[in-house]
Amino acid sequence: FFLLTILIVLGVGIYAGRKENTSEDYFLGGRSLP
């Protein structure tokens, strides 16, 4: 469970930021955060 939690957090984090191309995307989340 511990390892699965770590993998989920890492996977979601990397997947969420996969399309960040500009500084606005990186620092402001592309202004699209719910």
PDB file of all heavy atoms in Angstrom:
ATOM      1  N   PHE A   1       0.833  -1.202   0.000  1.00  0.00           N
ATOM      2  CA  PHE A   1       0.000   0.000   0.000  1.00  0.00           C
ATOM      3  C   PHE A   1       0.866   1.249   0.000  1.00  0.00           C
ATOM      4  O   PHE A   1       0.576   2.225  -0.691  1.00  0.00           O
ATOM      5  CB  PHE A   1      -0.910  -0.007   1.232  1.00  0.00           C
ATOM      6  CG  PHE A   1      -1.827   1.184   1.311  1.00  0.00           C
ATOM      7  CD1 PHE A   1      -2.988   1.227   0.561  1.00  0.00           C
ATOM      8  CD2 PHE A   1      -1.519   2.261   2.138  1.00  0.00           C
ATOM      9  CE1 PHE A   1      -3.841   2.339   0.630  1.00  0.00           C
ATOM     10  CE2 PHE A   1      -2.353   3.359   2.211  1.00  0.00           C
ATOM     11  CZ  PHE A   1      -3.515   3.390   1.450  1.00  0.00           C
ATOM     12  N   PHE A   2       1.948   1.217   0.769  1.00  0.00           N
ATOM     13  CA  PHE A   2       2.868   2.356   0.837  1.00  0.00           C
ATOM     14  C   PHE A   2       3.508   2.621  -0.526  1.00  0.00           C
ATOM     15  O   PHE A   2       3.536   3.760  -1.014  1.00  0.00           O
ATOM     16  CB  PHE A   2       3.937   2.071   1.890  1.00  0.00           C
ATOM     17  CG  PHE A   2       5.015   3.113   1.959  1.00  0.00           C
ATOM     18  CD1 PHE A   2       4.757   4.372   2.474  1.00  0.00           C
ATOM     19  CD2 PHE A   2       6.298   2.830   1.519  1.00  0.00           C
ATOM     20  CE1 PHE A   2       5.752   5.341   2.534  1.00  0.00           C
ATOM     21  CE2 PHE A   2       7.299   3.786   1.585  1.00  0.00           C
ATOM     22  CZ  PHE A   2       7.025   5.033   2.088  1.00  0.00           C
ATOM     23  N   LEU A   3       4.014   1.570  -1.144  1.00  0.00           N
ATOM     24  CA  LEU A   3       4.658   1.727  -2.452  1.00  0.00           C
ATOM     25  C   LEU A   3       3.649   2.131  -3.516  1.00  0.00           C
ATOM     26  O   LEU A   3       3.964   2.944  -4.396  1.00  0.00           O
ATOM     27  CB  LEU A   3       5.347   0.421  -2.844  1.00  0.00           C
ATOM     28  CG  LEU A   3       6.547   0.015  -1.980  1.00  0.00           C
ATOM     29  CD1 LEU A   3       7.056  -1.362  -2.386  1.00  0.00           C
ATOM     30  CD2 LEU A   3       7.658   1.046  -2.085  1.00  0.00           C
ATOM     31  N   LEU A   4       2.441   1.576  -3.462  1.00  0.00           N
ATOM     32  CA  LEU A   4       1.404   1.937  -4.427  1.00  0.00           C
ATOM     33  C   LEU A   4       1.036   3.407  -4.295  1.00  0.00           C
ATOM     34  O   LEU A   4       0.847   4.106  -5.308  1.00  0.00           O
ATOM     35  CB  LEU A   4       0.166   1.061  -4.218  1.00  0.00           C
ATOM     36  CG  LEU A   4      -1.026   1.324  -5.162  1.00  0.00           C
ATOM     37  CD1 LEU A   4      -0.629   1.060  -6.605  1.00  0.00           C
ATOM     38  CD2 LEU A   4      -2.219   0.466  -4.766  1.00  0.00           C
ATOM     39  N   THR A   5       0.957   3.908  -3.062  1.00  0.00           N
ATOM     40  CA  THR A   5       0.649   5.322  -2.842  1.00  0.00           C
ATOM     41  C   THR A   5       1.718   6.212  -3.452  1.00  0.00           C
ATOM     42  O   THR A   5       1.421   7.217  -4.105  1.00  0.00           O
ATOM     43  CB  THR A   5       0.518   5.605  -1.337  1.00  0.00           C
ATOM     44  OG1 THR A   5      -0.494   4.762  -0.781  1.00  0.00           O
ATOM     45  CG2 THR A   5       0.150   7.052  -1.099  1.00  0.00           C
ATOM     46  N   ILE A   6       2.987   5.845  -3.237  1.00  0.00           N
ATOM     47  CA  ILE A   6       4.091   6.627  -3.804  1.00  0.00           C
ATOM     48  C   ILE A   6       4.018   6.641  -5.322  1.00  0.00           C
ATOM     49  O   ILE A   6       4.177   7.684  -5.969  1.00  0.00           O
ATOM     50  CB  ILE A   6       5.441   6.058  -3.335  1.00  0.00           C
ATOM     51  CG1 ILE A   6       5.622   6.313  -1.836  1.00  0.00           C
ATOM     52  CG2 ILE A   6       6.596   6.690  -4.115  1.00  0.00           C
ATOM     53  CD1 ILE A   6       6.908   5.741  -1.275  1.00  0.00           C
ATOM     54  N   LEU A   7       3.757   5.486  -5.913  1.00  0.00           N
ATOM     55  CA  LEU A   7       3.690   5.393  -7.373  1.00  0.00           C
ATOM     56  C   LEU A   7       2.519   6.205  -7.924  1.00  0.00           C
ATOM     57  O   LEU A   7       2.641   6.856  -8.971  1.00  0.00           O
ATOM     58  CB  LEU A   7       3.566   3.933  -7.803  1.00  0.00           C
ATOM     59  CG  LEU A   7       4.798   3.051  -7.558  1.00  0.00           C
ATOM     60  CD1 LEU A   7       4.499   1.598  -7.929  1.00  0.00           C
ATOM     61  CD2 LEU A   7       5.991   3.573  -8.352  1.00  0.00           C
ATOM     62  N   ILE A   8       1.392   6.200  -7.233  1.00  0.00           N
ATOM     63  CA  ILE A   8       0.222   6.977  -7.672  1.00  0.00           C
ATOM     64  C   ILE A   8       0.540   8.467  -7.625  1.00  0.00           C
ATOM     65  O   ILE A   8       0.258   9.211  -8.578  1.00  0.00           O
ATOM     66  CB  ILE A   8      -1.002   6.656  -6.802  1.00  0.00           C
ATOM     67  CG1 ILE A   8      -1.495   5.234  -7.093  1.00  0.00           C
ATOM     68  CG2 ILE A   8      -2.126   7.658  -7.072  1.00  0.00           C
ATOM     69  CD1 ILE A   8      -2.632   4.802  -6.195  1.00  0.00           C
ATOM     70  N   VAL A   9       1.133   8.916  -6.528  1.00  0.00           N
ATOM     71  CA  VAL A   9       1.472  10.333  -6.393  1.00  0.00           C
ATOM     72  C   VAL A   9       2.468  10.755  -7.464  1.00  0.00           C
ATOM     73  O   VAL A   9       2.313  11.799  -8.128  1.00  0.00           O
ATOM     74  CB  VAL A   9       2.030  10.613  -4.982  1.00  0.00           C
ATOM     75  CG1 VAL A   9       2.598  12.031  -4.906  1.00  0.00           C
ATOM     76  CG2 VAL A   9       0.940  10.435  -3.932  1.00  0.00           C
ATOM     77  N   LEU A  10       3.512   9.946  -7.679  1.00  0.00           N
ATOM     78  CA  LEU A  10       4.497  10.262  -8.711  1.00  0.00           C
ATOM     79  C   LEU A  10       3.865  10.267 -10.096  1.00  0.00           C
ATOM     80  O   LEU A  10       4.097  11.177 -10.903  1.00  0.00           O
ATOM     81  CB  LEU A  10       5.639   9.245  -8.671  1.00  0.00           C
ATOM     82  CG  LEU A  10       6.715   9.452  -7.600  1.00  0.00           C
ATOM     83  CD1 LEU A  10       7.684   8.282  -7.594  1.00  0.00           C
ATOM     84  CD2 LEU A  10       7.464  10.747  -7.840  1.00  0.00           C
ATOM     85  N   GLY A  11       3.044   9.244 -10.377  1.00  0.00           N
ATOM     86  CA  GLY A  11       2.420   9.142 -11.697  1.00  0.00           C
ATOM     87  C   GLY A  11       1.486  10.298 -11.984  1.00  0.00           C
ATOM     88  O   GLY A  11       1.529  10.886 -13.072  1.00  0.00           O
ATOM     89  N   VAL A  12       0.640  10.644 -11.002  1.00  0.00           N
ATOM     90  CA  VAL A  12      -0.298  11.751 -11.189  1.00  0.00           C
ATOM     91  C   VAL A  12       0.451  13.070 -11.355  1.00  0.00           C
ATOM     92  O   VAL A  12       0.110  13.898 -12.211  1.00  0.00           O
ATOM     93  CB  VAL A  12      -1.278  11.835  -9.998  1.00  0.00           C
ATOM     94  CG1 VAL A  12      -2.089  13.115 -10.050  1.00  0.00           C
ATOM     95  CG2 VAL A  12      -2.201  10.634 -10.004  1.00  0.00           C
ATOM     96  N   GLY A  13       1.501  13.263 -10.548  1.00  0.00           N
ATOM     97  CA  GLY A  13       2.261  14.505 -10.633  1.00  0.00           C
ATOM     98  C   GLY A  13       2.918  14.684 -11.992  1.00  0.00           C
ATOM     99  O   GLY A  13       2.843  15.746 -12.606  1.00  0.00           O
ATOM    100  N   ILE A  14       3.578  13.635 -12.487  1.00  0.00           N
ATOM    101  CA  ILE A  14       4.258  13.722 -13.784  1.00  0.00           C
ATOM    102  C   ILE A  14       3.247  13.831 -14.917  1.00  0.00           C
ATOM    103  O   ILE A  14       3.434  14.592 -15.870  1.00  0.00           O
ATOM    104  CB  ILE A  14       5.177  12.504 -13.983  1.00  0.00           C
ATOM    105  CG1 ILE A  14       6.301  12.540 -12.930  1.00  0.00           C
ATOM    106  CG2 ILE A  14       5.777  12.489 -15.386  1.00  0.00           C
ATOM    107  CD1 ILE A  14       7.193  11.320 -12.953  1.00  0.00           C
ATOM    108  N   TYR A  15       2.136  13.101 -14.812  1.00  0.00           N
ATOM    109  CA  TYR A  15       1.118  13.149 -15.862  1.00  0.00           C
ATOM    110  C   TYR A  15       0.452  14.519 -15.919  1.00  0.00           C
ATOM    111  O   TYR A  15       0.171  15.036 -17.010  1.00  0.00           O
ATOM    112  CB  TYR A  15       0.067  12.071 -15.602  1.00  0.00           C
ATOM    113  CG  TYR A  15      -1.041  12.035 -16.625  1.00  0.00           C
ATOM    114  CD1 TYR A  15      -0.876  11.394 -17.849  1.00  0.00           C
ATOM    115  CD2 TYR A  15      -2.271  12.635 -16.357  1.00  0.00           C
ATOM    116  CE1 TYR A  15      -1.885  11.359 -18.786  1.00  0.00           C
ATOM    117  CE2 TYR A  15      -3.296  12.613 -17.292  1.00  0.00           C
ATOM    118  CZ  TYR A  15      -3.102  11.975 -18.504  1.00  0.00           C
ATOM    119  OH  TYR A  15      -4.101  11.949 -19.431  1.00  0.00           O
ATOM    120  N   ALA A  16       0.196  15.126 -14.748  1.00  0.00           N
ATOM    121  CA  ALA A  16      -0.490  16.430 -14.716  1.00  0.00           C
ATOM    122  C   ALA A  16       0.340  17.515 -15.386  1.00  0.00           C
ATOM    123  O   ALA A  16      -0.205  18.448 -15.978  1.00  0.00           O
ATOM    124  CB  ALA A  16      -0.810  16.816 -13.281  1.00  0.00           C
ATOM    125  N   GLY A  17       1.654  17.398 -15.308  1.00  0.00           N
ATOM    126  CA  GLY A  17       2.495  18.452 -15.863  1.00  0.00           C
ATOM    127  C   GLY A  17       3.126  18.109 -17.201  1.00  0.00           C
ATOM    128  O   GLY A  17       4.090  18.768 -17.609  1.00  0.00           O
ATOM    129  N   ARG A  18       2.577  17.123 -17.879  1.00  0.00           N
ATOM    130  CA  ARG A  18       3.209  16.650 -19.120  1.00  0.00           C
ATOM    131  C   ARG A  18       3.128  17.658 -20.260  1.00  0.00           C
ATOM    132  O   ARG A  18       3.947  17.634 -21.168  1.00  0.00           O
ATOM    133  CB  ARG A  18       2.576  15.325 -19.552  1.00  0.00           C
ATOM    134  CG  ARG A  18       1.147  15.467 -20.059  1.00  0.00           C
ATOM    135  CD  ARG A  18       0.446  14.136 -20.190  1.00  0.00           C
ATOM    136  NE  ARG A  18      -0.851  14.263 -20.831  1.00  0.00           N
ATOM    137  CZ  ARG A  18      -1.934  14.719 -20.233  1.00  0.00           C
ATOM    138  NH1 ARG A  18      -1.876  15.124 -18.973  1.00  0.00           N
ATOM    139  NH2 ARG A  18      -3.084  14.798 -20.884  1.00  0.00           N
ATOM    140  N   LYS A  19       2.142  18.560 -20.258  1.00  0.00           N
ATOM    141  CA  LYS A  19       1.940  19.480 -21.379  1.00  0.00           C
ATOM    142  C   LYS A  19       2.292  20.921 -21.034  1.00  0.00           C
ATOM    143  O   LYS A  19       1.810  21.851 -21.671  1.00  0.00           O
ATOM    144  CB  LYS A  19       0.483  19.414 -21.855  1.00  0.00           C
ATOM    145  CG  LYS A  19       0.094  18.071 -22.470  1.00  0.00           C
ATOM    146  CD  LYS A  19      -1.342  18.094 -22.972  1.00  0.00           C
ATOM    147  CE  LYS A  19      -1.724  16.766 -23.614  1.00  0.00           C
ATOM    148  NZ  LYS A  19      -3.123  16.779 -24.109  1.00  0.00           N
ATOM    149  N   GLU A  20       3.137  21.106 -20.055  1.00  0.00           N
ATOM    150  CA  GLU A  20       3.514  22.458 -19.672  1.00  0.00           C
ATOM    151  C   GLU A  20       4.663  22.931 -20.556  1.00  0.00           C
ATOM    152  O   GLU A  20       5.775  22.403 -20.486  1.00  0.00           O
ATOM    153  CB  GLU A  20       3.900  22.494 -18.190  1.00  0.00           C
ATOM    154  CG  GLU A  20       2.700  22.187 -17.288  1.00  0.00           C
ATOM    155  CD  GLU A  20       3.049  22.317 -15.827  1.00  0.00           C
ATOM    156  OE1 GLU A  20       4.248  22.274 -15.511  1.00  0.00           O
ATOM    157  OE2 GLU A  20       2.131  22.472 -15.012  1.00  0.00           O
ATOM    158  N   ASN A  21       4.379  23.931 -21.388  1.00  0.00           N
ATOM    159  CA  ASN A  21       5.352  24.396 -22.371  1.00  0.00           C
ATOM    160  C   ASN A  21       5.876  25.803 -22.098  1.00  0.00           C
ATOM    161  O   ASN A  21       6.912  26.191 -22.613  1.00  0.00           O
ATOM    162  CB  ASN A  21       4.725  24.363 -23.773  1.00  0.00           C
ATOM    163  CG  ASN A  21       4.265  22.966 -24.157  1.00  0.00           C
ATOM    164  OD1 ASN A  21       4.972  21.986 -23.925  1.00  0.00           O
ATOM    165  ND2 ASN A  21       3.062  22.877 -24.728  1.00  0.00           N
ATOM    166  N   THR A  22       5.142  26.568 -21.294  1.00  0.00           N
ATOM    167  CA  THR A  22       5.545  27.943 -21.019  1.00  0.00           C
ATOM    168  C   THR A  22       5.706  28.146 -19.518  1.00  0.00           C
ATOM    169  O   THR A  22       5.303  27.306 -18.705  1.00  0.00           O
ATOM    170  CB  THR A  22       4.492  28.933 -21.554  1.00  0.00           C
ATOM    171  OG1 THR A  22       3.262  28.754 -20.815  1.00  0.00           O
ATOM    172  CG2 THR A  22       4.229  28.691 -23.032  1.00  0.00           C
ATOM    173  N   SER A  23       6.292  29.289 -19.161  1.00  0.00           N
ATOM    174  CA  SER A  23       6.457  29.604 -17.745  1.00  0.00           C
ATOM    175  C   SER A  23       5.110  29.791 -17.059  1.00  0.00           C
ATOM    176  O   SER A  23       4.949  29.473 -15.882  1.00  0.00           O
ATOM    177  CB  SER A  23       7.298  30.871 -17.585  1.00  0.00           C
ATOM    178  OG  SER A  23       6.678  31.971 -18.238  1.00  0.00           O
ATOM    179  N   GLU A  24       4.118  30.277 -17.793  1.00  0.00           N
ATOM    180  CA  GLU A  24       2.778  30.432 -17.232  1.00  0.00           C
ATOM    181  C   GLU A  24       2.176  29.076 -16.930  1.00  0.00           C
ATOM    182  O   GLU A  24       1.506  28.889 -15.908  1.00  0.00           O
ATOM    183  CB  GLU A  24       1.880  31.215 -18.197  1.00  0.00           C
ATOM    184  CG  GLU A  24       0.493  31.483 -17.626  1.00  0.00           C
ATOM    185  CD  GLU A  24      -0.357  32.353 -18.527  1.00  0.00           C
ATOM    186  OE1 GLU A  24      -0.083  33.557 -18.583  1.00  0.00           O
ATOM    187  OE2 GLU A  24      -1.260  31.812 -19.195  1.00  0.00           O
ATOM    188  N   ASP A  25       2.391  28.091 -17.805  1.00  0.00           N
ATOM    189  CA  ASP A  25       1.918  26.738 -17.548  1.00  0.00           C
ATOM    190  C   ASP A  25       2.605  26.161 -16.305  1.00  0.00           C
ATOM    191  O   ASP A  25       1.956  25.510 -15.476  1.00  0.00           O
ATOM    192  CB  ASP A  25       2.202  25.828 -18.749  1.00  0.00           C
ATOM    193  CG  ASP A  25       1.363  26.199 -19.966  1.00  0.00           C
ATOM    194  OD1 ASP A  25       0.283  26.790 -19.774  1.00  0.00           O
ATOM    195  OD2 ASP A  25       1.797  25.915 -21.087  1.00  0.00           O
ATOM    196  N   TYR A  26       3.900  26.404 -16.197  1.00  0.00           N
ATOM    197  CA  TYR A  26       4.672  25.780 -15.125  1.00  0.00           C
ATOM    198  C   TYR A  26       4.357  26.395 -13.765  1.00  0.00           C
ATOM    199  O   TYR A  26       4.130  25.685 -12.785  1.00  0.00           O
ATOM    200  CB  TYR A  26       6.172  25.918 -15.421  1.00  0.00           C
ATOM    201  CG  TYR A  26       7.055  25.141 -14.478  1.00  0.00           C
ATOM    202  CD1 TYR A  26       7.328  23.800 -14.697  1.00  0.00           C
ATOM    203  CD2 TYR A  26       7.616  25.764 -13.358  1.00  0.00           C
ATOM    204  CE1 TYR A  26       8.143  23.086 -13.830  1.00  0.00           C
ATOM    205  CE2 TYR A  26       8.424  25.057 -12.481  1.00  0.00           C
ATOM    206  CZ  TYR A  26       8.688  23.720 -12.728  1.00  0.00           C
ATOM    207  OH  TYR A  26       9.487  23.019 -11.868  1.00  0.00           O
ATOM    208  N   PHE A  27       4.318  27.737 -13.690  1.00  0.00           N
ATOM    209  CA  PHE A  27       4.168  28.406 -12.402  1.00  0.00           C
ATOM    210  C   PHE A  27       2.714  28.719 -12.051  1.00  0.00           C
ATOM    211  O   PHE A  27       2.394  28.897 -10.869  1.00  0.00           O
ATOM    212  CB  PHE A  27       4.978  29.702 -12.387  1.00  0.00           C
ATOM    213  CG  PHE A  27       6.463  29.477 -12.408  1.00  0.00           C
ATOM    214  CD1 PHE A  27       7.193  29.715 -13.558  1.00  0.00           C
ATOM    215  CD2 PHE A  27       7.121  29.012 -11.280  1.00  0.00           C
ATOM    216  CE1 PHE A  27       8.570  29.510 -13.581  1.00  0.00           C
ATOM    217  CE2 PHE A  27       8.489  28.799 -11.296  1.00  0.00           C
ATOM    218  CZ  PHE A  27       9.212  29.044 -12.446  1.00  0.00           C
ATOM    219  N   LEU A  28       1.832  28.818 -13.038  1.00  0.00           N
ATOM    220  CA  LEU A  28       0.433  29.179 -12.775  1.00  0.00           C
ATOM    221  C   LEU A  28      -0.547  28.089 -13.191  1.00  0.00           C
ATOM    222  O   LEU A  28      -1.762  28.307 -13.172  1.00  0.00           O
ATOM    223  CB  LEU A  28       0.079  30.481 -13.510  1.00  0.00           C
ATOM    224  CG  LEU A  28       0.900  31.711 -13.127  1.00  0.00           C
ATOM    225  CD1 LEU A  28       0.481  32.914 -13.944  1.00  0.00           C
ATOM    226  CD2 LEU A  28       0.774  32.001 -11.633  1.00  0.00           C
ATOM    227  N   GLY A  29      -0.034  26.933 -13.588  1.00  0.00           N
ATOM    228  CA  GLY A  29      -0.921  25.834 -13.960  1.00  0.00           C
ATOM    229  C   GLY A  29      -1.729  26.114 -15.206  1.00  0.00           C
ATOM    230  O   GLY A  29      -2.819  25.543 -15.388  1.00  0.00           O
ATOM    231  N   GLY A  30      -1.217  26.986 -16.080  1.00  0.00           N
ATOM    232  CA  GLY A  30      -1.944  27.304 -17.299  1.00  0.00           C
ATOM    233  C   GLY A  30      -3.256  28.021 -17.049  1.00  0.00           C
ATOM    234  O   GLY A  30      -4.104  28.105 -17.930  1.00  0.00           O
ATOM    235  N   ARG A  31      -3.457  28.530 -15.836  1.00  0.00           N
ATOM    236  CA  ARG A  31      -4.713  29.213 -15.442  1.00  0.00           C
ATOM    237  C   ARG A  31      -5.941  28.340 -15.676  1.00  0.00           C
ATOM    238  O   ARG A  31      -7.030  28.836 -15.990  1.00  0.00           O
ATOM    239  CB  ARG A  31      -4.876  30.538 -16.203  1.00  0.00           C
ATOM    240  CG  ARG A  31      -3.723  31.516 -16.034  1.00  0.00           C
ATOM    241  CD  ARG A  31      -3.954  32.743 -16.910  1.00  0.00           C
ATOM    242  NE  ARG A  31      -2.821  33.648 -16.879  1.00  0.00           N
ATOM    243  CZ  ARG A  31      -2.659  34.632 -16.002  1.00  0.00           C
ATOM    244  NH1 ARG A  31      -3.571  34.829 -15.086  1.00  0.00           N
ATOM    245  NH2 ARG A  31      -1.609  35.416 -16.051  1.00  0.00           N
ATOM    246  N   SER A  32      -5.778  27.051 -15.538  1.00  0.00           N
ATOM    247  CA  SER A  32      -6.888  26.135 -15.823  1.00  0.00           C
ATOM    248  C   SER A  32      -7.179  25.198 -14.661  1.00  0.00           C
ATOM    249  O   SER A  32      -7.805  24.156 -14.847  1.00  0.00           O
ATOM    250  CB  SER A  32      -6.557  25.305 -17.073  1.00  0.00           C
ATOM    251  OG  SER A  32      -5.373  24.540 -16.879  1.00  0.00           O
ATOM    252  N   LEU A  33      -6.714  25.541 -13.473  1.00  0.00           N
ATOM    253  CA  LEU A  33      -6.922  24.661 -12.320  1.00  0.00           C
ATOM    254  C   LEU A  33      -8.365  24.750 -11.832  1.00  0.00           C
ATOM    255  O   LEU A  33      -8.915  25.844 -11.689  1.00  0.00           O
ATOM    256  CB  LEU A  33      -5.977  25.050 -11.183  1.00  0.00           C
ATOM    257  CG  LEU A  33      -4.479  24.837 -11.458  1.00  0.00           C
ATOM    258  CD1 LEU A  33      -3.649  25.458 -10.344  1.00  0.00           C
ATOM    259  CD2 LEU A  33      -4.175  23.369 -11.609  1.00  0.00           C
ATOM    260  N   PRO A  34      -9.025  23.628 -11.558  1.00  0.00           N
ATOM    261  CA  PRO A  34     -10.399  23.658 -11.037  1.00  0.00           C
ATOM    262  C   PRO A  34     -10.421  24.115  -9.585  1.00  0.00           C
ATOM    263  O   PRO A  34      -9.415  24.039  -8.869  1.00  0.00           O
ATOM    264  CB  PRO A  34     -10.844  22.191 -11.160  1.00  0.00           C
ATOM    265  CG  PRO A  34      -9.577  21.406 -11.089  1.00  0.00           C
ATOM    266  CD  PRO A  34      -8.524  22.253 -11.744  1.00  0.00           C
TER     267      PRO A  34
END
